[in-house]
Amino acid sequence: MTAHRIEVSLGDRSYPVLVGRGVGSRIDEFVPAGAKRAVVVTDPTIPFTVSTSLPSMVSPVVGGEDHKTLSTIETLCREFARFGLTRSDVVIAVGGGLVTDVAGFAASVWHRGTAVIHVPTTLLGMVDAAIGGKTAVNVPEGKNLVGAFWQPRAVLADLDALDTLPQRELRCGLGEVAKYHFIAGDDLLSVPLDARITRCAEIKARIVEGDERESGQRALLNYGHTLAHALESAGSHDLAHGEAVAIGILFAAELARTLDRIDDARVTLHHRVVRDEYGLATDEQLASAASNEIPTLIDFMRRDKKATDGLTFVLDGSRGLEVVPNVDPVDVQTALESFFARGVGRQIG
């Protein structure tokens, strides 16, 4: 299969995203000139490995949000030091979004910036997490509040890795794919998965090019994430990230309708894409989300990194998706109550 190549054009920080089978074997093409060693940061539980001709060591990162912390970054950096990794060398991240996040962040601070190559092994990583240079870890006060922008030298989305991906992980990636239906308005359901991955990567690349540091349009990529991050921060650990995003997308449609930005037909479209086509935001998952206290969720949403002017959401409207600041908390509570009541009602009924 021929690899699709997408350029993320950012001047001297530009890099390619390759999508295709076997592209993980091409790491050495993107290693910096002069690199003498590599550290491969990976989740040891995944059945996908890569190799490089450089002398290397493997630094394992255990999966799960509980390990997306500053202590993990410290552990990685101390392993870099023991191996003798220099600024001229390279970090290779092989795994899902957690791995590329922590490996990218560690690379960004090691010697104030060491090259990193991402090899995402999950659908979520291929369409979103590994592209764009956003790296971060969590603190108890919220998701992804400590991090850095650090663009990779390349992103190698090897579709072979998806062959062994558990079905739940595949569904989690579909949660991120779903948001692209509303960002670009494309009929992504009409193309096979490999073409869908390529198109999502293209959409993200163009948005990143126009707004690398998330001061404007790039915030649209957080569609559905405001509630999703609140659910994760509030302790809904039975929801994986993509599942939480899917719920967040449906809630964003509910809030947009509450604010008279969209009509019932547009809300129905959100449910068709997210629930009917992708099988996400199941009754059980909605019931799990609804078990959280609404004031607690609103408090976490206030801490969202977009919230520079009151409660801030990415919402649908007549002009498409837009960042909407200073949303009245009363409207948010009303929309949450209505959204959760219908979700739990579906489960009971």
Protein backbone atom coordinates (compact mmCIF):
# COMPACT_ATOMS: atom_id res chain seq x y z
CA MET A 1 0.00 0.00 0.00
CA THR A 2 1.35 3.42 -0.95
CA ALA A 3 1.78 5.79 1.96
CA HIS A 4 -0.08 9.08 1.94
CA ARG A 5 2.19 12.00 2.81
CA ILE A 6 0.78 15.14 4.41
CA GLU A 7 3.04 18.11 5.05
CA VAL A 8 2.55 20.22 8.16
CA SER A 9 4.08 23.48 6.92
CA LEU A 10 5.50 25.48 9.82
CA GLY A 11 8.66 26.99 8.38
CA ASP A 12 11.75 25.47 9.97
CA ARG A 13 9.46 23.32 12.16
CA SER A 14 7.73 21.66 9.20
CA TYR A 15 7.38 17.88 9.10
CA PRO A 16 5.54 15.10 7.27
CA VAL A 17 2.74 12.86 8.41
CA LEU A 18 2.88 9.49 6.66
CA VAL A 19 -0.24 7.31 6.66
CA GLY A 20 0.04 3.76 5.39
CA ARG A 21 1.06 0.21 6.07
CA GLY A 22 4.66 -0.37 7.05
CA VAL A 23 5.61 3.30 7.49
CA GLY A 24 6.88 2.58 11.01
CA SER A 25 9.90 0.94 9.41
CA ARG A 26 11.00 4.30 7.95
CA ILE A 27 12.11 5.93 11.21
CA ASP A 28 15.73 6.27 10.17
CA GLU A 29 14.72 8.57 7.28
CA PHE A 30 13.67 11.21 9.82
CA VAL A 31 16.37 10.88 12.47
CA PRO A 32 18.31 14.17 12.85
CA ALA A 33 21.68 14.32 11.19
CA GLY A 34 24.32 13.76 13.85
CA ALA A 35 22.09 11.75 16.19
CA LYS A 36 24.07 8.98 17.88
CA ARG A 37 21.46 7.33 20.06
CA ALA A 38 17.69 7.03 20.55
CA VAL A 39 15.30 6.38 23.40
CA VAL A 40 12.12 4.55 22.41
CA VAL A 41 9.29 5.52 24.76
CA THR A 42 6.48 2.99 24.52
CA ASP A 43 3.74 1.15 26.34
CA PRO A 44 5.15 -2.36 26.83
CA THR A 45 1.69 -3.91 26.59
CA ILE A 46 1.12 -2.99 22.94
CA PRO A 47 1.88 -5.68 20.32
CA PHE A 48 3.63 -3.28 17.94
CA THR A 49 7.31 -2.43 17.89
CA VAL A 50 9.68 -0.42 15.71
CA SER A 51 13.44 -0.40 15.30
CA THR A 52 16.19 2.04 14.43
CA SER A 53 19.78 1.55 13.34
CA LEU A 54 20.89 3.86 16.17
CA PRO A 55 22.02 2.44 19.52
CA SER A 56 18.83 2.63 21.57
CA MET A 57 17.10 1.83 24.81
CA VAL A 58 13.42 1.27 25.54
CA SER A 59 11.79 3.37 28.22
CA PRO A 60 8.40 1.90 29.18
CA VAL A 61 5.40 4.07 30.02
CA VAL A 62 2.42 2.42 31.62
CA GLY A 63 -0.91 3.34 30.04
CA GLY A 64 -3.77 5.09 31.81
CA GLU A 65 -4.49 8.67 32.81
CA ASP A 66 -3.08 8.02 36.29
CA HIS A 67 0.38 7.87 34.70
CA LYS A 68 0.04 11.07 32.65
CA THR A 69 1.81 13.08 35.34
CA LEU A 70 4.85 15.18 36.10
CA SER A 71 6.34 12.25 37.97
CA THR A 72 6.32 10.25 34.71
CA ILE A 73 8.19 13.11 33.00
CA GLU A 74 10.78 13.08 35.78
CA THR A 75 11.21 9.33 35.44
CA LEU A 76 11.73 9.61 31.69
CA CYS A 77 14.23 12.44 32.01
CA ARG A 78 16.26 10.52 34.57
CA GLU A 79 16.33 7.55 32.20
CA PHE A 80 17.48 9.87 29.40
CA ALA A 81 20.31 11.04 31.67
CA ARG A 82 21.42 7.51 32.58
CA PHE A 83 21.49 6.56 28.88
CA GLY A 84 23.46 9.69 27.96
CA LEU A 85 20.86 11.16 25.62
CA THR A 86 22.03 14.53 24.29
CA ARG A 87 20.25 17.42 22.59
CA SER A 88 21.50 16.07 19.23
CA ASP A 89 19.85 12.67 19.72
CA VAL A 90 16.23 11.60 19.30
CA VAL A 91 13.23 10.36 21.26
CA ILE A 92 10.90 7.95 19.47
CA ALA A 93 7.35 7.69 20.84
CA VAL A 94 5.51 4.48 19.99
CA GLY A 95 1.99 4.16 21.34
CA GLY A 96 -1.27 5.98 21.88
CA GLY A 97 -1.99 9.56 22.78
CA LEU A 98 -0.69 9.21 26.33
CA VAL A 99 2.68 7.97 25.09
CA THR A 100 3.10 10.68 22.45
CA ASP A 101 2.00 13.32 24.98
CA VAL A 102 4.47 12.34 27.70
CA ALA A 103 7.32 11.48 25.32
CA GLY A 104 6.84 14.75 23.45
CA PHE A 105 6.75 16.76 26.67
CA ALA A 106 9.86 15.02 28.02
CA ALA A 107 11.67 15.67 24.72
CA SER A 108 10.64 19.33 24.81
CA VAL A 109 12.26 19.91 28.20
CA TRP A 110 15.25 17.57 27.89
CA HIS A 111 18.24 19.87 27.29
CA ARG A 112 15.58 22.49 26.45
CA GLY A 113 14.52 20.63 23.35
CA THR A 114 15.43 17.26 21.82
CA ALA A 115 14.00 15.87 18.58
CA VAL A 116 11.03 13.52 18.77
CA ILE A 117 9.44 11.21 16.19
CA HIS A 118 5.90 9.96 16.81
CA VAL A 119 4.69 6.52 15.77
CA PRO A 120 1.03 6.52 16.89
CA THR A 121 -0.41 3.04 17.28
CA THR A 122 -4.03 3.99 18.00
CA LEU A 123 -6.65 5.54 15.78
CA LEU A 124 -6.95 8.46 18.21
CA GLY A 125 -3.22 9.09 17.96
CA MET A 126 -3.20 8.90 14.17
CA VAL A 127 -5.99 11.41 13.60
CA ASP A 128 -5.30 13.76 16.47
CA ALA A 129 -2.92 13.34 19.41
CA ALA A 130 0.35 12.79 17.54
CA ILE A 131 -0.11 15.69 15.10
CA GLY A 132 0.36 19.35 15.97
CA GLY A 133 3.01 19.45 18.67
CA LYS A 134 0.74 19.84 21.73
CA THR A 135 2.18 17.92 24.67
CA ALA A 136 0.89 17.92 28.23
CA VAL A 137 0.32 16.07 31.47
CA ASN A 138 -2.41 16.30 34.07
CA VAL A 139 -2.48 17.70 37.59
CA PRO A 140 -5.24 17.04 40.15
CA GLU A 141 -6.78 20.41 39.26
CA GLY A 142 -7.39 19.50 35.62
CA LYS A 143 -6.46 17.78 32.38
CA ASN A 144 -3.48 18.82 30.24
CA LEU A 145 -2.74 21.94 32.26
CA VAL A 146 1.07 21.51 32.21
CA GLY A 147 2.78 21.11 28.88
CA ALA A 148 4.57 22.63 25.91
CA PHE A 149 4.28 23.04 22.16
CA TRP A 150 6.97 20.83 20.62
CA GLN A 151 6.59 19.78 17.00
CA PRO A 152 7.85 16.31 16.03
CA ARG A 153 10.25 15.65 13.18
CA ALA A 154 7.73 13.24 11.66
CA VAL A 155 4.53 11.36 12.43
CA LEU A 156 4.43 7.81 11.08
CA ALA A 157 0.87 6.48 11.24
CA ASP A 158 1.43 2.80 10.52
CA LEU A 159 -1.93 1.23 9.76
CA ASP A 160 -0.51 -2.21 10.61
CA ALA A 161 -0.77 -1.17 14.26
CA LEU A 162 -4.57 -1.00 13.97
CA ASP A 163 -4.81 -4.71 13.14
CA THR A 164 -4.27 -5.65 16.78
CA LEU A 165 -6.08 -2.67 18.31
CA PRO A 166 -8.80 -3.69 20.80
CA GLN A 167 -12.29 -2.75 19.69
CA ARG A 168 -12.70 -0.28 22.56
CA GLU A 169 -9.53 1.55 21.52
CA LEU A 170 -10.82 1.70 17.95
CA ARG A 171 -14.10 3.20 19.18
CA CYS A 172 -12.15 5.75 21.22
CA GLY A 173 -10.43 6.91 18.05
CA LEU A 174 -13.79 7.20 16.35
CA GLY A 175 -14.75 9.71 19.04
CA GLU A 176 -12.05 12.02 17.71
CA VAL A 177 -12.91 11.20 14.09
CA ALA A 178 -16.52 12.22 14.77
CA LYS A 179 -15.54 15.80 15.57
CA TYR A 180 -14.00 16.21 12.09
CA HIS A 181 -17.44 15.66 10.54
CA PHE A 182 -18.47 18.97 12.10
CA ILE A 183 -15.18 20.85 11.76
CA ALA A 184 -14.89 20.43 7.99
CA GLY A 185 -18.38 19.32 6.99
CA ASP A 186 -16.93 16.39 5.05
CA ASP A 187 -18.90 13.19 4.42
CA LEU A 188 -16.26 11.03 6.06
CA LEU A 189 -18.65 8.10 6.27
CA SER A 190 -18.47 7.64 2.50
CA VAL A 191 -14.78 6.62 2.44
CA PRO A 192 -12.88 3.63 3.91
CA LEU A 193 -11.01 3.95 7.20
CA ASP A 194 -7.55 4.55 5.72
CA ALA A 195 -8.86 7.44 3.61
CA ARG A 196 -10.77 8.75 6.62
CA ILE A 197 -7.57 8.77 8.70
CA THR A 198 -5.72 10.59 5.93
CA ARG A 199 -8.46 13.20 5.58
CA CYS A 200 -8.60 13.83 9.33
CA ALA A 201 -4.82 14.25 9.39
CA GLU A 202 -5.06 16.72 6.49
CA ILE A 203 -7.73 18.76 8.27
CA LYS A 204 -5.68 18.91 11.44
CA ALA A 205 -2.49 19.80 9.54
CA ARG A 206 -4.17 22.76 7.83
CA ILE A 207 -5.60 24.03 11.12
CA VAL A 208 -2.25 23.70 12.89
CA GLU A 209 -0.53 25.58 10.08
CA GLY A 210 -2.89 28.50 10.55
CA ASP A 211 -2.79 28.54 14.34
CA GLU A 212 0.15 26.64 15.79
CA ARG A 213 -0.19 27.96 19.36
CA GLU A 214 -3.97 27.64 19.66
CA SER A 215 -4.77 31.33 19.81
CA GLY A 216 -7.73 31.09 17.43
CA GLN A 217 -8.97 28.50 14.93
CA ARG A 218 -7.06 25.59 16.44
CA ALA A 219 -9.39 25.65 19.43
CA LEU A 220 -12.03 24.15 17.09
CA LEU A 221 -10.14 20.87 17.41
CA ASN A 222 -11.37 20.79 21.01
CA TYR A 223 -14.97 20.31 19.92
CA GLY A 224 -16.59 18.16 22.60
CA HIS A 225 -13.53 18.31 24.84
CA THR A 226 -14.76 20.82 27.42
CA LEU A 227 -17.22 18.40 29.00
CA ALA A 228 -14.97 15.43 28.14
CA HIS A 229 -12.06 16.81 30.15
CA ALA A 230 -14.41 17.72 33.00
CA LEU A 231 -15.73 14.16 33.11
CA GLU A 232 -12.19 12.78 33.16
CA SER A 233 -11.05 15.25 35.82
CA ALA A 234 -14.11 14.51 37.96
CA GLY A 235 -13.15 10.87 38.12
CA SER A 236 -15.16 9.18 35.38
CA HIS A 237 -12.31 6.76 34.76
CA ASP A 238 -14.64 4.13 33.35
CA LEU A 239 -14.90 6.41 30.31
CA ALA A 240 -11.97 6.33 27.91
CA HIS A 241 -10.98 9.65 26.34
CA GLY A 242 -12.69 9.10 23.00
CA GLU A 243 -15.86 7.94 24.74
CA ALA A 244 -15.85 11.09 26.85
CA VAL A 245 -15.30 13.23 23.73
CA ALA A 246 -18.27 11.59 22.02
CA ILE A 247 -20.47 12.51 24.99
CA GLY A 248 -18.97 16.00 24.95
CA ILE A 249 -19.85 16.45 21.27
CA LEU A 250 -23.49 15.56 21.92
CA PHE A 251 -23.60 17.88 24.91
CA ALA A 252 -22.10 20.71 22.82
CA ALA A 253 -24.99 20.24 20.38
CA GLU A 254 -27.45 20.34 23.30
CA LEU A 255 -25.89 23.54 24.62
CA ALA A 256 -25.92 25.11 21.15
CA ARG A 257 -29.63 24.36 20.88
CA THR A 258 -30.22 25.81 24.35
CA LEU A 259 -28.56 29.00 23.12
CA ASP A 260 -30.64 28.97 19.89
CA ARG A 261 -27.54 28.53 17.75
CA ILE A 262 -28.79 25.37 16.02
CA ASP A 263 -32.12 23.63 15.50
CA ASP A 264 -33.40 20.16 16.32
CA ALA A 265 -32.38 18.79 12.92
CA ARG A 266 -28.76 19.70 13.55
CA VAL A 267 -28.86 18.04 16.97
CA THR A 268 -30.31 14.95 15.33
CA LEU A 269 -27.39 14.92 12.86
CA HIS A 270 -24.95 14.90 15.78
CA HIS A 271 -26.73 11.90 17.27
CA ARG A 272 -26.79 10.10 13.91
CA VAL A 273 -23.04 10.47 13.41
CA VAL A 274 -21.95 9.84 17.00
CA ARG A 275 -24.46 7.26 18.21
CA ASP A 276 -25.86 5.56 15.11
CA GLU A 277 -22.88 5.50 12.75
CA TYR A 278 -20.02 5.20 15.23
CA GLY A 279 -21.83 3.42 18.08
CA LEU A 280 -20.53 5.90 20.66
CA ALA A 281 -22.16 7.64 23.65
CA THR A 282 -24.03 4.51 24.61
CA ASP A 283 -26.80 4.60 27.20
CA GLU A 284 -24.44 3.08 29.77
CA GLN A 285 -21.76 5.72 29.08
CA LEU A 286 -24.30 8.53 29.30
CA ALA A 287 -25.52 7.14 32.60
CA SER A 288 -21.93 7.08 33.86
CA ALA A 289 -21.50 10.72 32.86
CA ALA A 290 -24.78 11.64 34.52
CA SER A 291 -23.60 10.16 37.83
CA ASN A 292 -21.34 13.19 38.32
CA GLU A 293 -22.54 16.23 40.23
CA ILE A 294 -23.33 19.02 37.76
CA PRO A 295 -21.75 21.82 39.89
CA THR A 296 -18.54 19.76 40.02
CA LEU A 297 -18.48 19.40 36.24
CA ILE A 298 -19.10 23.11 35.75
CA ASP A 299 -16.25 23.89 38.16
CA PHE A 300 -13.86 21.74 36.13
CA MET A 301 -15.11 23.34 32.91
CA ARG A 302 -14.18 26.75 34.33
CA ARG A 303 -10.57 25.52 34.52
CA ASP A 304 -10.47 24.44 30.88
CA LYS A 305 -7.47 25.91 29.07
CA LYS A 306 -9.81 27.66 26.58
CA ALA A 307 -11.63 29.43 29.43
CA THR A 308 -9.86 32.80 29.32
CA ASP A 309 -13.19 34.66 29.45
CA GLY A 310 -15.67 32.79 31.61
CA LEU A 311 -17.09 29.42 30.62
CA THR A 312 -15.92 28.85 27.05
CA PHE A 313 -17.10 26.22 24.57
CA VAL A 314 -16.65 25.32 20.93
CA LEU A 315 -20.23 25.35 19.62
CA ASP A 316 -21.98 24.71 16.34
CA GLY A 317 -23.95 27.48 14.67
CA SER A 318 -25.07 28.96 11.38
CA ARG A 319 -21.46 29.75 10.46
CA GLY A 320 -20.17 26.35 11.58
CA LEU A 321 -18.10 25.74 14.67
CA GLU A 322 -17.00 28.77 16.68
CA VAL A 323 -15.36 29.47 20.04
CA VAL A 324 -18.04 30.98 22.27
CA PRO A 325 -16.73 32.67 25.45
CA ASN A 326 -18.52 33.79 28.58
CA VAL A 327 -21.41 31.32 28.37
CA ASP A 328 -23.90 31.85 31.20
CA PRO A 329 -23.46 29.09 33.83
CA VAL A 330 -27.24 28.91 34.15
CA ASP A 331 -27.51 27.93 30.48
CA VAL A 332 -24.78 25.33 30.95
CA GLN A 333 -26.57 23.84 33.95
CA THR A 334 -29.90 23.82 32.11
CA ALA A 335 -28.35 22.07 29.10
CA LEU A 336 -26.55 19.52 31.30
CA GLU A 337 -29.73 18.71 33.21
CA SER A 338 -31.71 18.24 30.00
CA PHE A 339 -28.92 16.25 28.33
CA PHE A 340 -28.37 13.88 31.25
CA ALA A 341 -32.09 13.41 31.87
CA ARG A 342 -32.62 12.26 28.30
CA GLY A 343 -29.54 10.03 28.40
CA VAL A 344 -30.56 8.26 31.61
CA GLY A 345 -34.12 8.06 30.34
CA ARG A 346 -32.94 6.22 27.25
CA GLN A 347 -31.08 3.74 29.41
CA ILE A 348 -34.04 3.12 31.69
CA GLY A 349 -36.50 2.96 28.84
